[in-house]
Amino acid sequence: MKTVLIQILTLLILVSCQSKKSQWYLIKNYDQVSKYKPFGYTSGYINQNADTIIPLDKYVRCFTDTVKYYAIVYDKKQGLIGIDLNETKLFNAVWNGEGSEVKESEGMILIVENKKYGFANNKGEIIIEPKYKCAESFKNGKAKVSNNCLESDDEYLKWKMNTWTFIDKNGNEIK
């Protein structure tokens, strides 16, 4: 009985000493004017203990509300990027045309490199290398991609084209 109690206490101590996966939480300060014009407010990140992780106004804008693996931020030099918990750039994110990033859809986020599109997963890992001239976010387990397209002048449609190829979340073409 005493041995079992000691084992349980040891297990409880070990479990309580293990560090929890860090998460960041977006903070916005509407009372502090951003040094980046024309943005009016400052933004940054704190952790679960309310410690500052990314100070207000370090980036032009922070977009991701709750960060487990990566955050989307706008950096004055690098543009709209995904960063990991060490602030290492993971990928270039895509603007949605309305002043924000294209959101993650079905665990995948649209990314861009040298005007080619690909996808990263919900951990920020690039799964489908940027190789398509145009692409749309995942819907119902597949994404529309093409290398034969033009940008549209229509404010509601990003691409002009007639032939799309569908791919799955591993980049395999769906027939």
C-alpha atoms as a PDB file:
ATOM      1  CA  MET A   1       0.000   0.000   0.000  1.00  0.00           C
ATOM      2  CA  LYS A   2       2.805   2.382   0.967  1.00  0.00           C
ATOM      3  CA  THR A   3       4.655   1.562  -2.288  1.00  0.00           C
ATOM      4  CA  VAL A   4       1.543   2.312  -4.355  1.00  0.00           C
ATOM      5  CA  LEU A   5       1.051   5.643  -2.560  1.00  0.00           C
ATOM      6  CA  ILE A   6       4.697   6.613  -3.198  1.00  0.00           C
ATOM      7  CA  GLN A   7       4.328   5.689  -6.893  1.00  0.00           C
ATOM      8  CA  ILE A   8       1.156   7.761  -7.204  1.00  0.00           C
ATOM      9  CA  LEU A   9       2.807  10.753  -5.505  1.00  0.00           C
ATOM     10  CA  THR A  10       5.868  10.416  -7.750  1.00  0.00           C
ATOM     11  CA  LEU A  11       3.655  10.264 -10.827  1.00  0.00           C
ATOM     12  CA  LEU A  12       1.709  13.343  -9.721  1.00  0.00           C
ATOM     13  CA  ILE A  13       4.935  15.286  -9.158  1.00  0.00           C
ATOM     14  CA  LEU A  14       6.286  14.250 -12.564  1.00  0.00           C
ATOM     15  CA  VAL A  15       3.065  15.196 -14.354  1.00  0.00           C
ATOM     16  CA  SER A  16       2.815  18.561 -12.599  1.00  0.00           C
ATOM     17  CA  CYS A  17       6.450  19.394 -13.429  1.00  0.00           C
ATOM     18  CA  GLN A  18       6.091  18.756 -17.128  1.00  0.00           C
ATOM     19  CA  SER A  19       5.837  22.004 -19.046  1.00  0.00           C
ATOM     20  CA  LYS A  20       2.657  22.607 -20.942  1.00  0.00           C
ATOM     21  CA  LYS A  21       2.816  23.458 -24.623  1.00  0.00           C
ATOM     22  CA  SER A  22       3.064  27.215 -24.854  1.00  0.00           C
ATOM     23  CA  GLN A  23       0.235  29.146 -26.454  1.00  0.00           C
ATOM     24  CA  TRP A  24       0.110  32.791 -27.395  1.00  0.00           C
ATOM     25  CA  TYR A  25      -2.892  35.064 -27.194  1.00  0.00           C
ATOM     26  CA  LEU A  26      -3.429  38.139 -29.331  1.00  0.00           C
ATOM     27  CA  ILE A  27      -3.599  41.486 -27.580  1.00  0.00           C
ATOM     28  CA  LYS A  28      -4.659  44.749 -29.183  1.00  0.00           C
ATOM     29  CA  ASN A  29      -4.219  48.181 -27.668  1.00  0.00           C
ATOM     30  CA  TYR A  30      -6.595  50.679 -29.248  1.00  0.00           C
ATOM     31  CA  ASP A  31      -5.309  53.462 -26.951  1.00  0.00           C
ATOM     32  CA  GLN A  32      -1.737  53.245 -28.257  1.00  0.00           C
ATOM     33  CA  VAL A  33      -1.150  54.621 -31.758  1.00  0.00           C
ATOM     34  CA  SER A  34       0.963  52.352 -33.937  1.00  0.00           C
ATOM     35  CA  LYS A  35       4.248  53.657 -35.295  1.00  0.00           C
ATOM     36  CA  TYR A  36       3.227  52.024 -38.575  1.00  0.00           C
ATOM     37  CA  LYS A  37       0.942  54.305 -40.565  1.00  0.00           C
ATOM     38  CA  PRO A  38      -1.966  54.034 -41.437  1.00  0.00           C
ATOM     39  CA  PHE A  39      -2.612  51.326 -38.826  1.00  0.00           C
ATOM     40  CA  GLY A  40      -4.291  52.863 -35.809  1.00  0.00           C
ATOM     41  CA  TYR A  41      -3.789  50.355 -33.011  1.00  0.00           C
ATOM     42  CA  THR A  42      -0.937  48.182 -31.781  1.00  0.00           C
ATOM     43  CA  SER A  43      -0.958  44.402 -31.453  1.00  0.00           C
ATOM     44  CA  GLY A  44       1.253  41.716 -29.941  1.00  0.00           C
ATOM     45  CA  TYR A  45       1.095  38.409 -28.050  1.00  0.00           C
ATOM     46  CA  ILE A  46       1.095  37.242 -24.450  1.00  0.00           C
ATOM     47  CA  ASN A  47       1.291  33.693 -23.065  1.00  0.00           C
ATOM     48  CA  GLN A  48      -1.062  31.915 -20.655  1.00  0.00           C
ATOM     49  CA  ASN A  49       0.730  33.613 -17.714  1.00  0.00           C
ATOM     50  CA  ALA A  50       0.172  37.072 -19.264  1.00  0.00           C
ATOM     51  CA  ASP A  51       3.911  37.416 -19.957  1.00  0.00           C
ATOM     52  CA  THR A  52       4.708  39.454 -23.055  1.00  0.00           C
ATOM     53  CA  ILE A  53       5.898  37.183 -25.857  1.00  0.00           C
ATOM     54  CA  ILE A  54       5.777  39.641 -28.754  1.00  0.00           C
ATOM     55  CA  PRO A  55       5.675  43.275 -27.638  1.00  0.00           C
ATOM     56  CA  LEU A  56       3.036  45.635 -28.957  1.00  0.00           C
ATOM     57  CA  ASP A  57       4.043  47.170 -32.300  1.00  0.00           C
ATOM     58  CA  LYS A  58       6.962  44.788 -32.965  1.00  0.00           C
ATOM     59  CA  TYR A  59       5.098  43.750 -36.101  1.00  0.00           C
ATOM     60  CA  VAL A  60       2.918  46.058 -38.154  1.00  0.00           C
ATOM     61  CA  ARG A  61      -0.029  43.796 -37.347  1.00  0.00           C
ATOM     62  CA  CYS A  62      -0.622  40.447 -35.625  1.00  0.00           C
ATOM     63  CA  PHE A  63      -3.590  38.526 -37.035  1.00  0.00           C
ATOM     64  CA  THR A  64      -3.870  35.104 -35.361  1.00  0.00           C
ATOM     65  CA  ASP A  65      -6.050  35.111 -32.217  1.00  0.00           C
ATOM     66  CA  THR A  66      -4.747  32.015 -30.421  1.00  0.00           C
ATOM     67  CA  VAL A  67      -1.383  30.591 -31.444  1.00  0.00           C
ATOM     68  CA  LYS A  68      -0.463  26.938 -30.883  1.00  0.00           C
ATOM     69  CA  TYR A  69       2.035  26.332 -33.684  1.00  0.00           C
ATOM     70  CA  TYR A  70       2.219  29.403 -35.895  1.00  0.00           C
ATOM     71  CA  ALA A  71       0.978  32.974 -36.124  1.00  0.00           C
ATOM     72  CA  ILE A  72       0.258  35.160 -39.115  1.00  0.00           C
ATOM     73  CA  VAL A  73       1.896  38.576 -38.751  1.00  0.00           C
ATOM     74  CA  TYR A  74       2.649  41.460 -41.062  1.00  0.00           C
ATOM     75  CA  ASP A  75       6.333  42.353 -40.933  1.00  0.00           C
ATOM     76  CA  LYS A  76       7.437  45.639 -42.505  1.00  0.00           C
ATOM     77  CA  LYS A  77      10.381  43.984 -44.314  1.00  0.00           C
ATOM     78  CA  GLN A  78       9.079  40.474 -45.050  1.00  0.00           C
ATOM     79  CA  GLY A  79       5.389  41.171 -45.621  1.00  0.00           C
ATOM     80  CA  LEU A  80       2.598  38.833 -44.512  1.00  0.00           C
ATOM     81  CA  ILE A  81       4.281  35.769 -43.024  1.00  0.00           C
ATOM     82  CA  GLY A  82       3.684  32.736 -40.835  1.00  0.00           C
ATOM     83  CA  ILE A  83       6.064  32.491 -37.856  1.00  0.00           C
ATOM     84  CA  ASP A  84       6.596  29.683 -35.355  1.00  0.00           C
ATOM     85  CA  LEU A  85       6.863  30.001 -31.548  1.00  0.00           C
ATOM     86  CA  ASN A  86      10.531  30.982 -31.950  1.00  0.00           C
ATOM     87  CA  GLU A  87       9.540  33.749 -34.404  1.00  0.00           C
ATOM     88  CA  THR A  88      11.196  31.893 -37.267  1.00  0.00           C
ATOM     89  CA  LYS A  89       9.578  32.559 -40.637  1.00  0.00           C
ATOM     90  CA  LEU A  90       7.796  29.452 -41.900  1.00  0.00           C
ATOM     91  CA  PHE A  91       6.113  30.726 -45.065  1.00  0.00           C
ATOM     92  CA  ASN A  92       4.623  33.719 -46.863  1.00  0.00           C
ATOM     93  CA  ALA A  93       0.908  33.996 -46.180  1.00  0.00           C
ATOM     94  CA  VAL A  94      -1.709  35.202 -48.677  1.00  0.00           C
ATOM     95  CA  TRP A  95      -3.830  38.373 -48.427  1.00  0.00           C
ATOM     96  CA  ASN A  96      -7.581  37.876 -48.821  1.00  0.00           C
ATOM     97  CA  GLY A  97      -8.090  41.189 -50.639  1.00  0.00           C
ATOM     98  CA  GLU A  98      -9.882  42.744 -47.674  1.00  0.00           C
ATOM     99  CA  GLY A  99      -6.897  43.672 -45.506  1.00  0.00           C
ATOM    100  CA  SER A 100      -6.517  40.340 -43.735  1.00  0.00           C
ATOM    101  CA  GLU A 101      -4.927  36.961 -44.351  1.00  0.00           C
ATOM    102  CA  VAL A 102      -6.535  34.018 -46.116  1.00  0.00           C
ATOM    103  CA  LYS A 103      -7.681  31.898 -43.177  1.00  0.00           C
ATOM    104  CA  GLU A 104      -6.824  28.287 -42.532  1.00  0.00           C
ATOM    105  CA  SER A 105      -9.443  25.997 -44.066  1.00  0.00           C
ATOM    106  CA  GLU A 106      -9.841  22.329 -43.193  1.00  0.00           C
ATOM    107  CA  GLY A 107      -6.458  22.330 -41.438  1.00  0.00           C
ATOM    108  CA  MET A 108      -4.600  23.817 -44.432  1.00  0.00           C
ATOM    109  CA  ILE A 109      -3.515  27.374 -45.188  1.00  0.00           C
ATOM    110  CA  LEU A 110      -2.788  28.826 -48.614  1.00  0.00           C
ATOM    111  CA  ILE A 111       0.821  30.059 -48.928  1.00  0.00           C
ATOM    112  CA  VAL A 112       2.785  31.830 -51.669  1.00  0.00           C
ATOM    113  CA  GLU A 113       6.418  31.965 -52.816  1.00  0.00           C
ATOM    114  CA  ASN A 114       7.626  33.719 -55.995  1.00  0.00           C
ATOM    115  CA  LYS A 115       4.006  34.135 -57.209  1.00  0.00           C
ATOM    116  CA  LYS A 116       3.375  30.382 -56.907  1.00  0.00           C
ATOM    117  CA  TYR A 117       0.855  28.918 -54.463  1.00  0.00           C
ATOM    118  CA  GLY A 118       0.986  25.897 -52.177  1.00  0.00           C
ATOM    119  CA  PHE A 119      -0.295  24.830 -48.744  1.00  0.00           C
ATOM    120  CA  ALA A 120       0.919  24.444 -45.167  1.00  0.00           C
ATOM    121  CA  ASN A 121      -0.873  22.396 -42.519  1.00  0.00           C
ATOM    122  CA  ASN A 122      -2.275  23.580 -39.185  1.00  0.00           C
ATOM    123  CA  LYS A 123       1.173  23.178 -37.593  1.00  0.00           C
ATOM    124  CA  GLY A 124       2.774  25.513 -40.139  1.00  0.00           C
ATOM    125  CA  GLU A 125       4.558  22.696 -41.992  1.00  0.00           C
ATOM    126  CA  ILE A 126       4.676  23.121 -45.764  1.00  0.00           C
ATOM    127  CA  ILE A 127       2.861  20.070 -47.137  1.00  0.00           C
ATOM    128  CA  ILE A 128       2.317  21.128 -50.757  1.00  0.00           C
ATOM    129  CA  GLU A 129       5.224  23.180 -52.095  1.00  0.00           C
ATOM    130  CA  PRO A 130       4.254  26.412 -53.891  1.00  0.00           C
ATOM    131  CA  LYS A 131       4.124  25.368 -57.561  1.00  0.00           C
ATOM    132  CA  TYR A 132       0.727  26.515 -58.828  1.00  0.00           C
ATOM    133  CA  LYS A 133       0.059  29.793 -60.622  1.00  0.00           C
ATOM    134  CA  CYS A 134      -3.334  29.999 -58.905  1.00  0.00           C
ATOM    135  CA  ALA A 135      -5.058  28.160 -56.081  1.00  0.00           C
ATOM    136  CA  GLU A 136      -8.048  28.350 -53.783  1.00  0.00           C
ATOM    137  CA  SER A 137      -8.443  27.156 -50.200  1.00  0.00           C
ATOM    138  CA  PHE A 138      -9.527  23.623 -49.336  1.00  0.00           C
ATOM    139  CA  LYS A 139     -13.229  22.844 -49.356  1.00  0.00           C
ATOM    140  CA  ASN A 140     -14.734  19.392 -48.833  1.00  0.00           C
ATOM    141  CA  GLY A 141     -11.261  17.810 -48.699  1.00  0.00           C
ATOM    142  CA  LYS A 142      -9.969  19.240 -51.966  1.00  0.00           C
ATOM    143  CA  ALA A 143      -8.471  22.451 -53.350  1.00  0.00           C
ATOM    144  CA  LYS A 144      -8.707  23.933 -56.844  1.00  0.00           C
ATOM    145  CA  VAL A 145      -5.313  24.650 -58.450  1.00  0.00           C
ATOM    146  CA  SER A 146      -4.049  25.531 -61.914  1.00  0.00           C
ATOM    147  CA  ASN A 147      -1.029  26.733 -63.857  1.00  0.00           C
ATOM    148  CA  ASN A 148      -3.206  28.087 -66.652  1.00  0.00           C
ATOM    149  CA  CYS A 149      -4.954  31.139 -65.209  1.00  0.00           C
ATOM    150  CA  LEU A 150      -5.062  34.924 -65.073  1.00  0.00           C
ATOM    151  CA  GLU A 151      -5.924  37.286 -62.242  1.00  0.00           C
ATOM    152  CA  SER A 152      -9.477  38.553 -62.495  1.00  0.00           C
ATOM    153  CA  ASP A 153     -10.609  42.190 -62.528  1.00  0.00           C
ATOM    154  CA  ASP A 154     -13.797  41.118 -60.739  1.00  0.00           C
ATOM    155  CA  GLU A 155     -13.723  42.106 -57.067  1.00  0.00           C
ATOM    156  CA  TYR A 156     -15.437  38.826 -56.089  1.00  0.00           C
ATOM    157  CA  LEU A 157     -13.370  36.440 -58.209  1.00  0.00           C
ATOM    158  CA  LYS A 158      -9.587  36.257 -57.848  1.00  0.00           C
ATOM    159  CA  TRP A 159      -8.888  34.072 -60.900  1.00  0.00           C
ATOM    160  CA  LYS A 160     -10.081  33.903 -64.516  1.00  0.00           C
ATOM    161  CA  MET A 161      -9.857  30.416 -65.927  1.00  0.00           C
ATOM    162  CA  ASN A 162     -11.811  27.490 -67.266  1.00  0.00           C
ATOM    163  CA  THR A 163      -9.732  24.471 -66.284  1.00  0.00           C
ATOM    164  CA  TRP A 164      -9.054  23.657 -62.669  1.00  0.00           C
ATOM    165  CA  THR A 165      -7.368  20.609 -61.244  1.00  0.00           C
ATOM    166  CA  PHE A 166      -8.443  19.356 -57.832  1.00  0.00           C
ATOM    167  CA  ILE A 167      -5.860  18.114 -55.329  1.00  0.00           C
ATOM    168  CA  ASP A 168      -6.125  16.383 -51.958  1.00  0.00           C
ATOM    169  CA  LYS A 169      -4.293  17.446 -48.783  1.00  0.00           C
ATOM    170  CA  ASN A 170      -1.165  15.565 -49.877  1.00  0.00           C
ATOM    171  CA  GLY A 171      -1.046  17.305 -53.256  1.00  0.00           C
ATOM    172  CA  ASN A 172      -2.309  14.309 -55.222  1.00  0.00           C
ATOM    173  CA  GLU A 173      -4.542  15.104 -58.195  1.00  0.00           C
ATOM    174  CA  ILE A 174      -8.131  13.969 -57.798  1.00  0.00           C
ATOM    175  CA  LYS A 175      -9.640  12.558 -60.983  1.00  0.00           C
END
